[in-house]
Amino acid sequence: MTKSTIGRYWHVVTLVVAVFALVFQLYLVATGENILDSSAVTTPRPEQVRRFFSYFTIQANFLVAVSTFLIVRGRTESQVFRVVRLASLVGITVTGIVAAIALPPSPSYTTGSLVCDRLLHIVVPVLTFVGWAVFGPRGTVAREDLLPSLIWPVLWLVATLALGPLVDWYPYPFLNVGSIGLGRTLLNCAAIALLFLALAALALWADRRLSRDRATMNA
């Protein structure tokens, strides 16, 4: 079995796991098992579902599913793919790091809740990062893709801050204007944007380095 064949299977597994985790998570939310927001017990179900789609983790996993689907289908030549791939890689990496450091699973989780939590926060990030680092595809990060890759996180931040006062809810404490104030919230947003840009630039450097190393081995 060739490395490219193993890589294809790896991306297929990543796609299947991400889609399964997202669908299972949505099912649990829609059926009343509030594993994302324990304060939403009395919140109307439509609002709970809207909140599901508002989480950075959910959106990062969705972008992973989109980018791996394009890889499996062989549609990797456009800038749209490169931007989505880069944004999903950085977003899911941030998700995995934060989860490993600061988001342990709740002791009140049911078995289904725990499975979903670990798939979305640990398994998909690891599969995505290893798949990118080991199997590629290489040469899918360009300098002109760095700023476009910020479109998603910036829009997510803007939408979160705009909707927060209207629905009296924020997905994360570091964005809760009512609790920490507008000034600190904006500083946190700037830090997030800089972190995202720095990781995207690191991915650009690593992609070029890995591409050179592969070319050297094949020479």
N, C-alpha and C. Protein backbone atom coordinates (compact mmCIF):
# COMPACT_ATOMS: atom_id res chain seq x y z
N MET A 1 0.84 -1.20 0.00
CA MET A 1 0.00 0.00 0.00
C MET A 1 0.88 1.25 0.00
N THR A 2 0.66 2.17 -0.93
CA THR A 2 1.48 3.37 -1.04
C THR A 2 1.09 4.39 0.02
N LYS A 3 2.01 5.35 0.22
CA LYS A 3 1.75 6.40 1.20
C LYS A 3 0.55 7.25 0.78
N SER A 4 0.41 7.49 -0.53
CA SER A 4 -0.73 8.28 -1.00
C SER A 4 -2.05 7.57 -0.73
N THR A 5 -2.05 6.24 -0.85
CA THR A 5 -3.26 5.46 -0.56
C THR A 5 -3.60 5.53 0.92
N ILE A 6 -2.57 5.39 1.77
CA ILE A 6 -2.79 5.50 3.22
C ILE A 6 -3.30 6.90 3.56
N GLY A 7 -2.72 7.91 2.89
CA GLY A 7 -3.15 9.28 3.13
C GLY A 7 -4.61 9.49 2.76
N ARG A 8 -5.03 8.89 1.66
CA ARG A 8 -6.44 9.02 1.25
C ARG A 8 -7.35 8.39 2.30
N TYR A 9 -6.98 7.21 2.77
CA TYR A 9 -7.78 6.57 3.81
C TYR A 9 -7.81 7.41 5.08
N TRP A 10 -6.66 8.01 5.40
CA TRP A 10 -6.59 8.86 6.60
C TRP A 10 -7.56 10.03 6.49
N HIS A 11 -7.57 10.68 5.34
CA HIS A 11 -8.48 11.82 5.16
C HIS A 11 -9.94 11.37 5.16
N VAL A 12 -10.23 10.19 4.60
CA VAL A 12 -11.59 9.66 4.63
C VAL A 12 -12.02 9.43 6.07
N VAL A 13 -11.14 8.83 6.88
CA VAL A 13 -11.46 8.59 8.30
C VAL A 13 -11.69 9.93 9.01
N THR A 14 -10.84 10.92 8.74
CA THR A 14 -11.01 12.24 9.35
C THR A 14 -12.36 12.84 8.99
N LEU A 15 -12.73 12.74 7.72
CA LEU A 15 -14.03 13.25 7.26
C LEU A 15 -15.18 12.54 7.96
N VAL A 16 -15.12 11.22 8.02
CA VAL A 16 -16.21 10.44 8.63
C VAL A 16 -16.34 10.76 10.11
N VAL A 17 -15.22 10.84 10.82
CA VAL A 17 -15.25 11.13 12.25
C VAL A 17 -15.82 12.52 12.51
N ALA A 18 -15.37 13.52 11.72
CA ALA A 18 -15.85 14.89 11.91
C ALA A 18 -17.35 14.98 11.65
N VAL A 19 -17.82 14.38 10.56
CA VAL A 19 -19.25 14.43 10.24
C VAL A 19 -20.06 13.70 11.30
N PHE A 20 -19.60 12.52 11.72
CA PHE A 20 -20.31 11.77 12.75
C PHE A 20 -20.41 12.58 14.04
N ALA A 21 -19.29 13.18 14.46
CA ALA A 21 -19.28 13.94 15.71
C ALA A 21 -20.23 15.13 15.63
N LEU A 22 -20.23 15.84 14.50
CA LEU A 22 -21.12 17.00 14.35
C LEU A 22 -22.58 16.58 14.36
N VAL A 23 -22.91 15.55 13.62
CA VAL A 23 -24.31 15.10 13.54
C VAL A 23 -24.77 14.55 14.89
N PHE A 24 -23.93 13.76 15.54
CA PHE A 24 -24.28 13.20 16.85
C PHE A 24 -24.46 14.31 17.88
N GLN A 25 -23.54 15.29 17.84
CA GLN A 25 -23.64 16.43 18.76
C GLN A 25 -24.95 17.19 18.55
N LEU A 26 -25.30 17.45 17.30
CA LEU A 26 -26.53 18.16 17.00
C LEU A 26 -27.74 17.35 17.45
N TYR A 27 -27.70 16.05 17.24
CA TYR A 27 -28.79 15.18 17.68
C TYR A 27 -28.99 15.27 19.19
N LEU A 28 -27.90 15.24 19.94
CA LEU A 28 -28.00 15.31 21.39
C LEU A 28 -28.57 16.65 21.85
N VAL A 29 -28.16 17.73 21.18
CA VAL A 29 -28.69 19.05 21.51
C VAL A 29 -30.18 19.12 21.17
N ALA A 30 -30.54 18.64 19.96
CA ALA A 30 -31.93 18.72 19.51
C ALA A 30 -32.87 17.87 20.35
N THR A 31 -32.33 16.82 20.97
CA THR A 31 -33.18 15.95 21.79
C THR A 31 -33.15 16.33 23.27
N GLY A 32 -32.48 17.45 23.57
CA GLY A 32 -32.55 17.98 24.93
C GLY A 32 -31.40 17.67 25.83
N GLU A 33 -30.35 17.01 25.31
CA GLU A 33 -29.19 16.73 26.15
C GLU A 33 -28.20 17.86 25.98
N ASN A 34 -28.20 18.82 26.90
CA ASN A 34 -27.45 20.06 26.74
C ASN A 34 -25.98 19.86 27.12
N ILE A 35 -25.22 19.28 26.23
CA ILE A 35 -23.83 19.00 26.56
C ILE A 35 -22.91 20.16 26.21
N LEU A 36 -23.41 21.17 25.53
CA LEU A 36 -22.58 22.32 25.18
C LEU A 36 -22.73 23.46 26.17
N ASP A 37 -23.92 23.67 26.65
CA ASP A 37 -24.19 24.82 27.51
C ASP A 37 -25.12 24.38 28.64
N SER A 38 -24.54 24.11 29.80
CA SER A 38 -25.33 23.60 30.92
C SER A 38 -26.33 24.62 31.44
N SER A 39 -26.14 25.90 31.09
CA SER A 39 -27.07 26.93 31.56
C SER A 39 -28.30 27.02 30.68
N ALA A 40 -28.36 26.21 29.61
CA ALA A 40 -29.44 26.34 28.63
C ALA A 40 -30.59 25.39 28.87
N VAL A 41 -30.69 24.87 30.09
CA VAL A 41 -31.73 23.88 30.38
C VAL A 41 -33.12 24.43 30.10
N THR A 42 -33.33 25.69 30.43
CA THR A 42 -34.65 26.30 30.24
C THR A 42 -34.74 27.11 28.95
N THR A 43 -33.71 27.07 28.13
CA THR A 43 -33.70 27.83 26.88
C THR A 43 -34.50 27.09 25.83
N PRO A 44 -35.31 27.81 25.04
CA PRO A 44 -36.08 27.15 23.97
C PRO A 44 -35.18 26.37 23.02
N ARG A 45 -35.68 25.25 22.53
CA ARG A 45 -34.87 24.36 21.70
C ARG A 45 -34.29 25.05 20.46
N PRO A 46 -35.06 25.88 19.72
CA PRO A 46 -34.45 26.57 18.56
C PRO A 46 -33.23 27.40 18.94
N GLU A 47 -33.28 28.04 20.10
CA GLU A 47 -32.13 28.83 20.54
C GLU A 47 -30.95 27.93 20.89
N GLN A 48 -31.23 26.77 21.48
CA GLN A 48 -30.15 25.83 21.78
C GLN A 48 -29.46 25.37 20.49
N VAL A 49 -30.25 25.12 19.46
CA VAL A 49 -29.67 24.69 18.18
C VAL A 49 -28.85 25.82 17.57
N ARG A 50 -29.37 27.06 17.66
CA ARG A 50 -28.59 28.19 17.14
C ARG A 50 -27.26 28.31 17.88
N ARG A 51 -27.28 28.12 19.18
CA ARG A 51 -26.05 28.19 19.96
C ARG A 51 -25.06 27.10 19.54
N PHE A 52 -25.59 25.94 19.20
CA PHE A 52 -24.74 24.85 18.72
C PHE A 52 -23.88 25.32 17.55
N PHE A 53 -24.50 26.01 16.60
CA PHE A 53 -23.77 26.47 15.42
C PHE A 53 -22.90 27.69 15.71
N SER A 54 -23.03 28.27 16.91
CA SER A 54 -22.27 29.47 17.25
C SER A 54 -20.91 29.18 17.85
N TYR A 55 -20.68 27.93 18.23
CA TYR A 55 -19.42 27.58 18.87
C TYR A 55 -18.28 27.49 17.85
N PHE A 56 -17.14 28.04 18.23
CA PHE A 56 -15.94 27.98 17.39
C PHE A 56 -15.56 26.53 17.10
N THR A 57 -15.66 25.68 18.11
CA THR A 57 -15.33 24.26 17.94
C THR A 57 -16.18 23.60 16.86
N ILE A 58 -17.47 23.88 16.87
CA ILE A 58 -18.37 23.30 15.88
C ILE A 58 -18.01 23.78 14.48
N GLN A 59 -17.80 25.07 14.34
CA GLN A 59 -17.47 25.62 13.03
C GLN A 59 -16.12 25.12 12.53
N ALA A 60 -15.14 24.98 13.44
CA ALA A 60 -13.83 24.46 13.05
C ALA A 60 -13.95 23.02 12.54
N ASN A 61 -14.74 22.20 13.23
CA ASN A 61 -14.94 20.82 12.80
C ASN A 61 -15.68 20.77 11.46
N PHE A 62 -16.62 21.69 11.25
CA PHE A 62 -17.33 21.75 9.97
C PHE A 62 -16.36 22.08 8.83
N LEU A 63 -15.46 23.03 9.06
CA LEU A 63 -14.49 23.38 8.02
C LEU A 63 -13.52 22.22 7.75
N VAL A 64 -13.18 21.48 8.80
CA VAL A 64 -12.36 20.29 8.60
C VAL A 64 -13.09 19.30 7.68
N ALA A 65 -14.38 19.10 7.94
CA ALA A 65 -15.17 18.19 7.10
C ALA A 65 -15.18 18.66 5.65
N VAL A 66 -15.34 19.97 5.43
CA VAL A 66 -15.37 20.51 4.07
C VAL A 66 -14.01 20.32 3.39
N SER A 67 -12.93 20.66 4.08
CA SER A 67 -11.60 20.58 3.46
C SER A 67 -11.20 19.14 3.18
N THR A 68 -11.49 18.21 4.10
CA THR A 68 -11.14 16.82 3.85
C THR A 68 -12.01 16.21 2.74
N PHE A 69 -13.26 16.66 2.64
CA PHE A 69 -14.11 16.21 1.53
C PHE A 69 -13.50 16.64 0.20
N LEU A 70 -13.00 17.88 0.13
CA LEU A 70 -12.38 18.36 -1.11
C LEU A 70 -11.10 17.59 -1.41
N ILE A 71 -10.35 17.22 -0.38
CA ILE A 71 -9.14 16.42 -0.59
C ILE A 71 -9.50 15.05 -1.15
N VAL A 72 -10.47 14.41 -0.52
CA VAL A 72 -10.88 13.08 -0.97
C VAL A 72 -11.39 13.12 -2.40
N ARG A 73 -12.06 14.20 -2.76
CA ARG A 73 -12.59 14.35 -4.12
C ARG A 73 -11.54 14.85 -5.10
N GLY A 74 -10.35 15.20 -4.61
CA GLY A 74 -9.28 15.66 -5.49
C GLY A 74 -9.44 17.09 -5.95
N ARG A 75 -10.20 17.88 -5.25
CA ARG A 75 -10.44 19.27 -5.64
C ARG A 75 -9.57 20.20 -4.79
N THR A 76 -8.27 20.18 -5.07
CA THR A 76 -7.33 20.91 -4.23
C THR A 76 -6.55 21.99 -4.98
N GLU A 77 -7.01 22.38 -6.15
CA GLU A 77 -6.24 23.30 -6.99
C GLU A 77 -6.61 24.76 -6.79
N SER A 78 -7.77 25.04 -6.21
CA SER A 78 -8.25 26.43 -6.13
C SER A 78 -7.77 27.13 -4.86
N GLN A 79 -7.79 28.46 -4.90
CA GLN A 79 -7.45 29.22 -3.70
C GLN A 79 -8.51 29.02 -2.63
N VAL A 80 -9.76 28.82 -3.04
CA VAL A 80 -10.81 28.57 -2.05
C VAL A 80 -10.45 27.36 -1.19
N PHE A 81 -9.97 26.30 -1.84
CA PHE A 81 -9.56 25.13 -1.07
C PHE A 81 -8.42 25.49 -0.13
N ARG A 82 -7.41 26.20 -0.64
CA ARG A 82 -6.25 26.52 0.19
C ARG A 82 -6.65 27.33 1.41
N VAL A 83 -7.55 28.29 1.22
CA VAL A 83 -7.99 29.13 2.34
C VAL A 83 -8.79 28.32 3.35
N VAL A 84 -9.72 27.49 2.85
CA VAL A 84 -10.53 26.67 3.76
C VAL A 84 -9.64 25.68 4.50
N ARG A 85 -8.70 25.07 3.79
CA ARG A 85 -7.79 24.11 4.42
C ARG A 85 -6.96 24.77 5.50
N LEU A 86 -6.42 25.96 5.21
CA LEU A 86 -5.60 26.67 6.18
C LEU A 86 -6.43 27.10 7.38
N ALA A 87 -7.61 27.68 7.13
CA ALA A 87 -8.47 28.12 8.23
C ALA A 87 -8.89 26.95 9.10
N SER A 88 -9.23 25.82 8.47
CA SER A 88 -9.66 24.66 9.25
C SER A 88 -8.50 24.08 10.05
N LEU A 89 -7.31 24.04 9.45
CA LEU A 89 -6.14 23.52 10.14
C LEU A 89 -5.81 24.34 11.39
N VAL A 90 -5.77 25.66 11.22
CA VAL A 90 -5.45 26.53 12.35
C VAL A 90 -6.57 26.50 13.38
N GLY A 91 -7.82 26.57 12.92
CA GLY A 91 -8.94 26.58 13.84
C GLY A 91 -9.03 25.32 14.67
N ILE A 92 -8.85 24.17 14.04
CA ILE A 92 -8.97 22.91 14.77
C ILE A 92 -7.76 22.68 15.66
N THR A 93 -6.59 23.21 15.27
CA THR A 93 -5.41 23.13 16.13
C THR A 93 -5.61 23.94 17.40
N VAL A 94 -6.16 25.16 17.25
CA VAL A 94 -6.47 25.97 18.42
C VAL A 94 -7.48 25.25 19.31
N THR A 95 -8.48 24.64 18.69
CA THR A 95 -9.49 23.89 19.44
C THR A 95 -8.84 22.79 20.27
N GLY A 96 -7.96 22.02 19.66
CA GLY A 96 -7.31 20.92 20.35
C GLY A 96 -6.42 21.39 21.48
N ILE A 97 -5.65 22.45 21.25
CA ILE A 97 -4.75 22.97 22.28
C ILE A 97 -5.53 23.48 23.48
N VAL A 98 -6.55 24.29 23.22
CA VAL A 98 -7.36 24.84 24.32
C VAL A 98 -8.05 23.73 25.09
N ALA A 99 -8.59 22.74 24.37
CA ALA A 99 -9.28 21.63 25.04
C ALA A 99 -8.33 20.84 25.92
N ALA A 100 -7.13 20.59 25.41
CA ALA A 100 -6.16 19.81 26.18
C ALA A 100 -5.69 20.54 27.43
N ILE A 101 -5.62 21.88 27.34
CA ILE A 101 -5.08 22.66 28.46
C ILE A 101 -6.16 23.10 29.44
N ALA A 102 -7.30 23.55 28.91
CA ALA A 102 -8.26 24.24 29.77
C ALA A 102 -9.68 23.73 29.74
N LEU A 103 -9.98 22.70 28.94
CA LEU A 103 -11.37 22.25 28.85
C LEU A 103 -11.50 20.75 29.12
N PRO A 104 -11.31 20.32 30.35
CA PRO A 104 -11.51 18.90 30.65
C PRO A 104 -12.99 18.56 30.56
N PRO A 105 -13.33 17.31 30.23
CA PRO A 105 -14.75 16.94 30.14
C PRO A 105 -15.44 17.05 31.48
N SER A 106 -16.69 17.46 31.45
CA SER A 106 -17.46 17.61 32.67
C SER A 106 -17.73 16.25 33.31
N PRO A 107 -17.65 16.14 34.64
CA PRO A 107 -17.96 14.86 35.31
C PRO A 107 -19.42 14.47 35.19
N SER A 108 -20.27 15.41 34.77
CA SER A 108 -21.70 15.13 34.64
C SER A 108 -22.07 14.62 33.24
N TYR A 109 -21.10 14.52 32.34
CA TYR A 109 -21.39 14.06 30.99
C TYR A 109 -21.94 12.63 30.99
N THR A 110 -22.91 12.40 30.13
CA THR A 110 -23.32 11.03 29.84
C THR A 110 -22.30 10.41 28.91
N THR A 111 -22.45 9.12 28.63
CA THR A 111 -21.51 8.44 27.72
C THR A 111 -21.52 9.11 26.35
N GLY A 112 -22.72 9.38 25.82
CA GLY A 112 -22.81 10.03 24.51
C GLY A 112 -22.18 11.41 24.51
N SER A 113 -22.39 12.15 25.59
CA SER A 113 -21.82 13.49 25.70
C SER A 113 -20.30 13.43 25.71
N LEU A 114 -19.76 12.48 26.46
CA LEU A 114 -18.31 12.35 26.57
C LEU A 114 -17.70 11.95 25.23
N VAL A 115 -18.35 11.03 24.52
CA VAL A 115 -17.85 10.60 23.21
C VAL A 115 -17.80 11.79 22.26
N CYS A 116 -18.88 12.56 22.22
CA CYS A 116 -18.93 13.73 21.34
C CYS A 116 -17.85 14.74 21.70
N ASP A 117 -17.73 15.02 22.98
CA ASP A 117 -16.76 16.00 23.43
C ASP A 117 -15.35 15.62 23.02
N ARG A 118 -14.97 14.38 23.23
CA ARG A 118 -13.61 13.93 22.90
C ARG A 118 -13.38 13.87 21.39
N LEU A 119 -14.39 13.48 20.64
CA LEU A 119 -14.24 13.46 19.18
C LEU A 119 -14.01 14.86 18.64
N LEU A 120 -14.84 15.82 19.07
CA LEU A 120 -14.77 17.17 18.54
C LEU A 120 -13.52 17.92 19.01
N HIS A 121 -13.11 17.69 20.25
CA HIS A 121 -12.04 18.48 20.84
C HIS A 121 -10.67 17.82 20.77
N ILE A 122 -10.60 16.51 20.64
CA ILE A 122 -9.31 15.83 20.66
C ILE A 122 -9.07 14.99 19.40
N VAL A 123 -9.98 14.08 19.09
CA VAL A 123 -9.74 13.13 18.00
C VAL A 123 -9.65 13.83 16.65
N VAL A 124 -10.63 14.67 16.31
CA VAL A 124 -10.59 15.37 15.02
C VAL A 124 -9.38 16.30 14.92
N PRO A 125 -9.04 17.08 15.96
CA PRO A 125 -7.81 17.88 15.87
C PRO A 125 -6.56 17.04 15.61
N VAL A 126 -6.42 15.91 16.30
CA VAL A 126 -5.24 15.06 16.11
C VAL A 126 -5.23 14.47 14.70
N LEU A 127 -6.36 13.94 14.25
CA LEU A 127 -6.44 13.37 12.91
C LEU A 127 -6.10 14.42 11.85
N THR A 128 -6.63 15.63 12.03
CA THR A 128 -6.40 16.70 11.05
C THR A 128 -4.94 17.11 11.00
N PHE A 129 -4.36 17.34 12.18
CA PHE A 129 -2.97 17.81 12.22
C PHE A 129 -2.02 16.74 11.68
N VAL A 130 -2.19 15.50 12.13
CA VAL A 130 -1.32 14.42 11.65
C VAL A 130 -1.51 14.21 10.14
N GLY A 131 -2.76 14.26 9.69
CA GLY A 131 -3.02 14.10 8.27
C GLY A 131 -2.34 15.17 7.44
N TRP A 132 -2.39 16.41 7.92
CA TRP A 132 -1.73 17.51 7.20
C TRP A 132 -0.21 17.35 7.23
N ALA A 133 0.35 17.04 8.40
CA ALA A 133 1.80 16.97 8.55
C ALA A 133 2.41 15.79 7.81
N VAL A 134 1.72 14.64 7.81
CA VAL A 134 2.31 13.42 7.26
C VAL A 134 1.91 13.20 5.80
N PHE A 135 0.64 13.46 5.49
CA PHE A 135 0.13 13.08 4.17
C PHE A 135 -0.16 14.26 3.24
N GLY A 136 -0.18 15.46 3.77
CA GLY A 136 -0.45 16.61 2.91
C GLY A 136 -1.92 16.78 2.58
N PRO A 137 -2.23 17.26 1.39
CA PRO A 137 -1.32 17.55 0.28
C PRO A 137 -0.41 18.74 0.56
N ARG A 138 0.81 18.66 0.05
CA ARG A 138 1.79 19.71 0.23
C ARG A 138 1.55 20.83 -0.78
N GLY A 139 2.16 21.99 -0.49
CA GLY A 139 2.06 23.14 -1.38
C GLY A 139 0.68 23.75 -1.41
N THR A 140 -0.09 23.57 -0.33
CA THR A 140 -1.45 24.11 -0.30
C THR A 140 -1.56 25.34 0.59
N VAL A 141 -0.44 25.94 0.93
CA VAL A 141 -0.45 27.18 1.70
C VAL A 141 0.40 28.20 0.96
N ALA A 142 -0.19 29.34 0.62
CA ALA A 142 0.52 30.42 -0.07
C ALA A 142 0.41 31.70 0.75
N ARG A 143 1.36 32.61 0.54
CA ARG A 143 1.36 33.85 1.31
C ARG A 143 0.05 34.63 1.13
N GLU A 144 -0.47 34.59 -0.11
CA GLU A 144 -1.70 35.35 -0.36
C GLU A 144 -2.93 34.72 0.30
N ASP A 145 -2.77 33.55 0.91
CA ASP A 145 -3.90 32.90 1.59
C ASP A 145 -3.99 33.28 3.07
N LEU A 146 -2.95 33.94 3.61
CA LEU A 146 -2.92 34.20 5.04
C LEU A 146 -4.05 35.12 5.49
N LEU A 147 -4.17 36.28 4.85
CA LEU A 147 -5.23 37.21 5.24
C LEU A 147 -6.63 36.67 4.95
N PRO A 148 -6.87 36.06 3.77
CA PRO A 148 -8.20 35.47 3.55
C PRO A 148 -8.57 34.41 4.58
N SER A 149 -7.58 33.71 5.13
CA SER A 149 -7.89 32.70 6.14
C SER A 149 -8.41 33.31 7.43
N LEU A 150 -8.23 34.64 7.59
CA LEU A 150 -8.74 35.32 8.77
C LEU A 150 -10.21 35.72 8.63
N ILE A 151 -10.76 35.60 7.42
CA ILE A 151 -12.14 36.04 7.20
C ILE A 151 -13.10 35.31 8.13
N TRP A 152 -12.95 33.98 8.21
CA TRP A 152 -13.86 33.21 9.07
C TRP A 152 -13.76 33.60 10.54
N PRO A 153 -12.57 33.56 11.17
CA PRO A 153 -12.54 33.90 12.60
C PRO A 153 -12.97 35.33 12.88
N VAL A 154 -12.66 36.26 11.97
CA VAL A 154 -13.08 37.66 12.19
C VAL A 154 -14.60 37.77 12.09
N LEU A 155 -15.20 37.13 11.08
CA LEU A 155 -16.66 37.15 10.97
C LEU A 155 -17.31 36.47 12.17
N TRP A 156 -16.69 35.39 12.66
CA TRP A 156 -17.22 34.71 13.84
C TRP A 156 -17.20 35.63 15.05
N LEU A 157 -16.11 36.35 15.23
CA LEU A 157 -16.01 37.29 16.35
C LEU A 157 -17.04 38.41 16.23
N VAL A 158 -17.16 38.98 15.03
CA VAL A 158 -18.12 40.07 14.82
C VAL A 158 -19.54 39.59 15.09
N ALA A 159 -19.91 38.43 14.53
CA ALA A 159 -21.26 37.90 14.73
C ALA A 159 -21.53 37.59 16.20
N THR A 160 -20.53 37.04 16.87
CA THR A 160 -20.68 36.70 18.29
C THR A 160 -20.92 37.95 19.13
N LEU A 161 -20.14 38.99 18.88
CA LEU A 161 -20.28 40.23 19.65
C LEU A 161 -21.57 40.96 19.29
N ALA A 162 -22.00 40.87 18.04
CA ALA A 162 -23.23 41.55 17.62
C ALA A 162 -24.47 40.87 18.20
N LEU A 163 -24.46 39.53 18.21
CA LEU A 163 -25.63 38.79 18.69
C LEU A 163 -25.68 38.69 20.20
N GLY A 164 -24.53 38.76 20.85
CA GLY A 164 -24.48 38.58 22.30
C GLY A 164 -25.47 39.43 23.08
N PRO A 165 -25.48 40.76 22.87
CA PRO A 165 -26.41 41.60 23.64
C PRO A 165 -27.89 41.31 23.30
N LEU A 166 -28.15 40.85 22.08
CA LEU A 166 -29.53 40.60 21.65
C LEU A 166 -30.10 39.33 22.28
N VAL A 167 -29.27 38.31 22.44
CA VAL A 167 -29.74 37.03 22.98
C VAL A 167 -29.26 36.80 24.40
N ASP A 168 -28.48 37.76 24.92
CA ASP A 168 -27.95 37.66 26.29
C ASP A 168 -27.16 36.37 26.49
N TRP A 169 -26.29 36.07 25.54
CA TRP A 169 -25.50 34.84 25.63
C TRP A 169 -24.25 34.97 24.77
N TYR A 170 -23.13 34.49 25.32
CA TYR A 170 -21.87 34.44 24.60
C TYR A 170 -21.31 33.01 24.73
N PRO A 171 -20.73 32.47 23.67
CA PRO A 171 -20.27 31.08 23.72
C PRO A 171 -19.09 30.85 24.66
N TYR A 172 -18.30 31.92 24.94
CA TYR A 172 -17.11 31.77 25.76
C TYR A 172 -16.98 32.97 26.71
N PRO A 173 -16.48 32.74 27.93
CA PRO A 173 -16.37 33.84 28.91
C PRO A 173 -15.49 34.99 28.44
N PHE A 174 -14.44 34.69 27.67
CA PHE A 174 -13.51 35.75 27.26
C PHE A 174 -14.11 36.70 26.22
N LEU A 175 -15.35 36.41 25.76
CA LEU A 175 -16.04 37.31 24.83
C LEU A 175 -17.27 37.94 25.46
N ASN A 176 -17.51 37.67 26.72
CA ASN A 176 -18.71 38.16 27.39
C ASN A 176 -18.54 39.62 27.80
N VAL A 177 -19.02 40.51 26.94
CA VAL A 177 -18.87 41.95 27.17
C VAL A 177 -19.50 42.36 28.49
N GLY A 178 -20.64 41.77 28.82
CA GLY A 178 -21.33 42.13 30.05
C GLY A 178 -20.53 41.81 31.30
N SER A 179 -19.68 40.79 31.23
CA SER A 179 -18.92 40.37 32.41
C SER A 179 -17.55 41.02 32.49
N ILE A 180 -16.87 41.15 31.37
CA ILE A 180 -15.49 41.63 31.41
C ILE A 180 -15.31 43.01 30.79
N GLY A 181 -16.36 43.56 30.19
CA GLY A 181 -16.26 44.89 29.62
C GLY A 181 -15.83 44.88 28.16
N LEU A 182 -16.19 45.96 27.45
CA LEU A 182 -15.90 46.03 26.02
C LEU A 182 -14.41 46.10 25.74
N GLY A 183 -13.68 46.89 26.54
CA GLY A 183 -12.25 47.06 26.30
C GLY A 183 -11.49 45.75 26.36
N ARG A 184 -11.71 44.98 27.42
CA ARG A 184 -11.01 43.71 27.56
C ARG A 184 -11.45 42.73 26.48
N THR A 185 -12.73 42.78 26.12
CA THR A 185 -13.22 41.89 25.07
C THR A 185 -12.52 42.18 23.75
N LEU A 186 -12.38 43.46 23.41
CA LEU A 186 -11.71 43.82 22.17
C LEU A 186 -10.23 43.42 22.19
N LEU A 187 -9.59 43.53 23.35
CA LEU A 187 -8.21 43.08 23.48
C LEU A 187 -8.12 41.57 23.25
N ASN A 188 -9.07 40.85 23.81
CA ASN A 188 -9.10 39.40 23.60
C ASN A 188 -9.29 39.05 22.13
N CYS A 189 -10.16 39.82 21.45
CA CYS A 189 -10.40 39.59 20.03
C CYS A 189 -9.13 39.84 19.21
N ALA A 190 -8.42 40.92 19.56
CA ALA A 190 -7.16 41.22 18.86
C ALA A 190 -6.14 40.10 19.08
N ALA A 191 -6.09 39.59 20.30
CA ALA A 191 -5.15 38.51 20.61
C ALA A 191 -5.50 37.25 19.81
N ILE A 192 -6.80 36.96 19.70
CA ILE A 192 -7.23 35.79 18.94
C ILE A 192 -6.84 35.93 17.47
N ALA A 193 -7.07 37.13 16.91
CA ALA A 193 -6.73 37.37 15.51
C ALA A 193 -5.23 37.23 15.28
N LEU A 194 -4.42 37.77 16.20
CA LEU A 194 -2.97 37.67 16.06
C LEU A 194 -2.50 36.23 16.19
N LEU A 195 -3.10 35.48 17.13
CA LEU A 195 -2.75 34.08 17.29
C LEU A 195 -3.07 33.29 16.02
N PHE A 196 -4.25 33.55 15.47
CA PHE A 196 -4.66 32.85 14.26
C PHE A 196 -3.70 33.17 13.12
N LEU A 197 -3.33 34.45 12.97
CA LEU A 197 -2.43 34.85 11.89
C LEU A 197 -1.04 34.24 12.10
N ALA A 198 -0.58 34.22 13.35
CA ALA A 198 0.74 33.65 13.63
C ALA A 198 0.77 32.16 13.32
N LEU A 199 -0.28 31.43 13.69
CA LEU A 199 -0.33 30.00 13.39
C LEU A 199 -0.45 29.75 11.89
N ALA A 200 -1.18 30.62 11.19
CA ALA A 200 -1.28 30.48 9.74
C ALA A 200 0.08 30.70 9.09
N ALA A 201 0.82 31.70 9.57
CA ALA A 201 2.16 31.95 9.04
C ALA A 201 3.09 30.77 9.35
N LEU A 202 2.94 30.19 10.54
CA LEU A 202 3.74 29.01 10.89
C LEU A 202 3.41 27.84 9.97
N ALA A 203 2.13 27.69 9.65
CA ALA A 203 1.72 26.62 8.72
C ALA A 203 2.33 26.85 7.34
N LEU A 204 2.40 28.11 6.91
CA LEU A 204 3.02 28.43 5.62
C LEU A 204 4.49 28.02 5.63
N TRP A 205 5.20 28.39 6.69
CA TRP A 205 6.62 28.03 6.79
C TRP A 205 6.79 26.52 6.83
N ALA A 206 5.98 25.83 7.65
CA ALA A 206 6.10 24.38 7.79
C ALA A 206 5.77 23.67 6.48
N ASP A 207 4.76 24.16 5.76
CA ASP A 207 4.38 23.54 4.50
C ASP A 207 5.53 23.63 3.51
N ARG A 208 6.18 24.78 3.43
CA ARG A 208 7.30 24.95 2.51
C ARG A 208 8.47 24.09 2.93
N ARG A 209 8.72 24.00 4.23
CA ARG A 209 9.83 23.18 4.74
C ARG A 209 9.57 21.70 4.43
N LEU A 210 8.37 21.23 4.69
CA LEU A 210 8.03 19.84 4.42
C LEU A 210 8.10 19.54 2.92
N SER A 211 7.69 20.52 2.11
CA SER A 211 7.76 20.33 0.65
C SER A 211 9.20 20.19 0.20
N ARG A 212 10.11 21.01 0.75
CA ARG A 212 11.53 20.92 0.40
C ARG A 212 12.12 19.59 0.85
N ASP A 213 11.75 19.16 2.06
CA ASP A 213 12.28 17.90 2.58
C ASP A 213 11.84 16.74 1.70
N ARG A 214 10.58 16.76 1.26
CA ARG A 214 10.08 15.67 0.40
C ARG A 214 10.79 15.70 -0.95
N ALA A 215 11.00 16.92 -1.49
CA ALA A 215 11.71 17.02 -2.78
C ALA A 215 13.13 16.50 -2.65
N THR A 216 13.78 16.76 -1.50
CA THR A 216 15.14 16.29 -1.29
C THR A 216 15.20 14.78 -1.22
N MET A 217 14.22 14.17 -0.51
CA MET A 217 14.19 12.72 -0.39
C MET A 217 13.91 12.03 -1.72
N ASN A 218 13.13 12.73 -2.57
CA ASN A 218 12.77 12.14 -3.86
C ASN A 218 13.81 12.38 -4.94
N ALA A 219 14.78 13.24 -4.63
CA ALA A 219 15.80 13.60 -5.63
C ALA A 219 16.77 12.43 -5.88
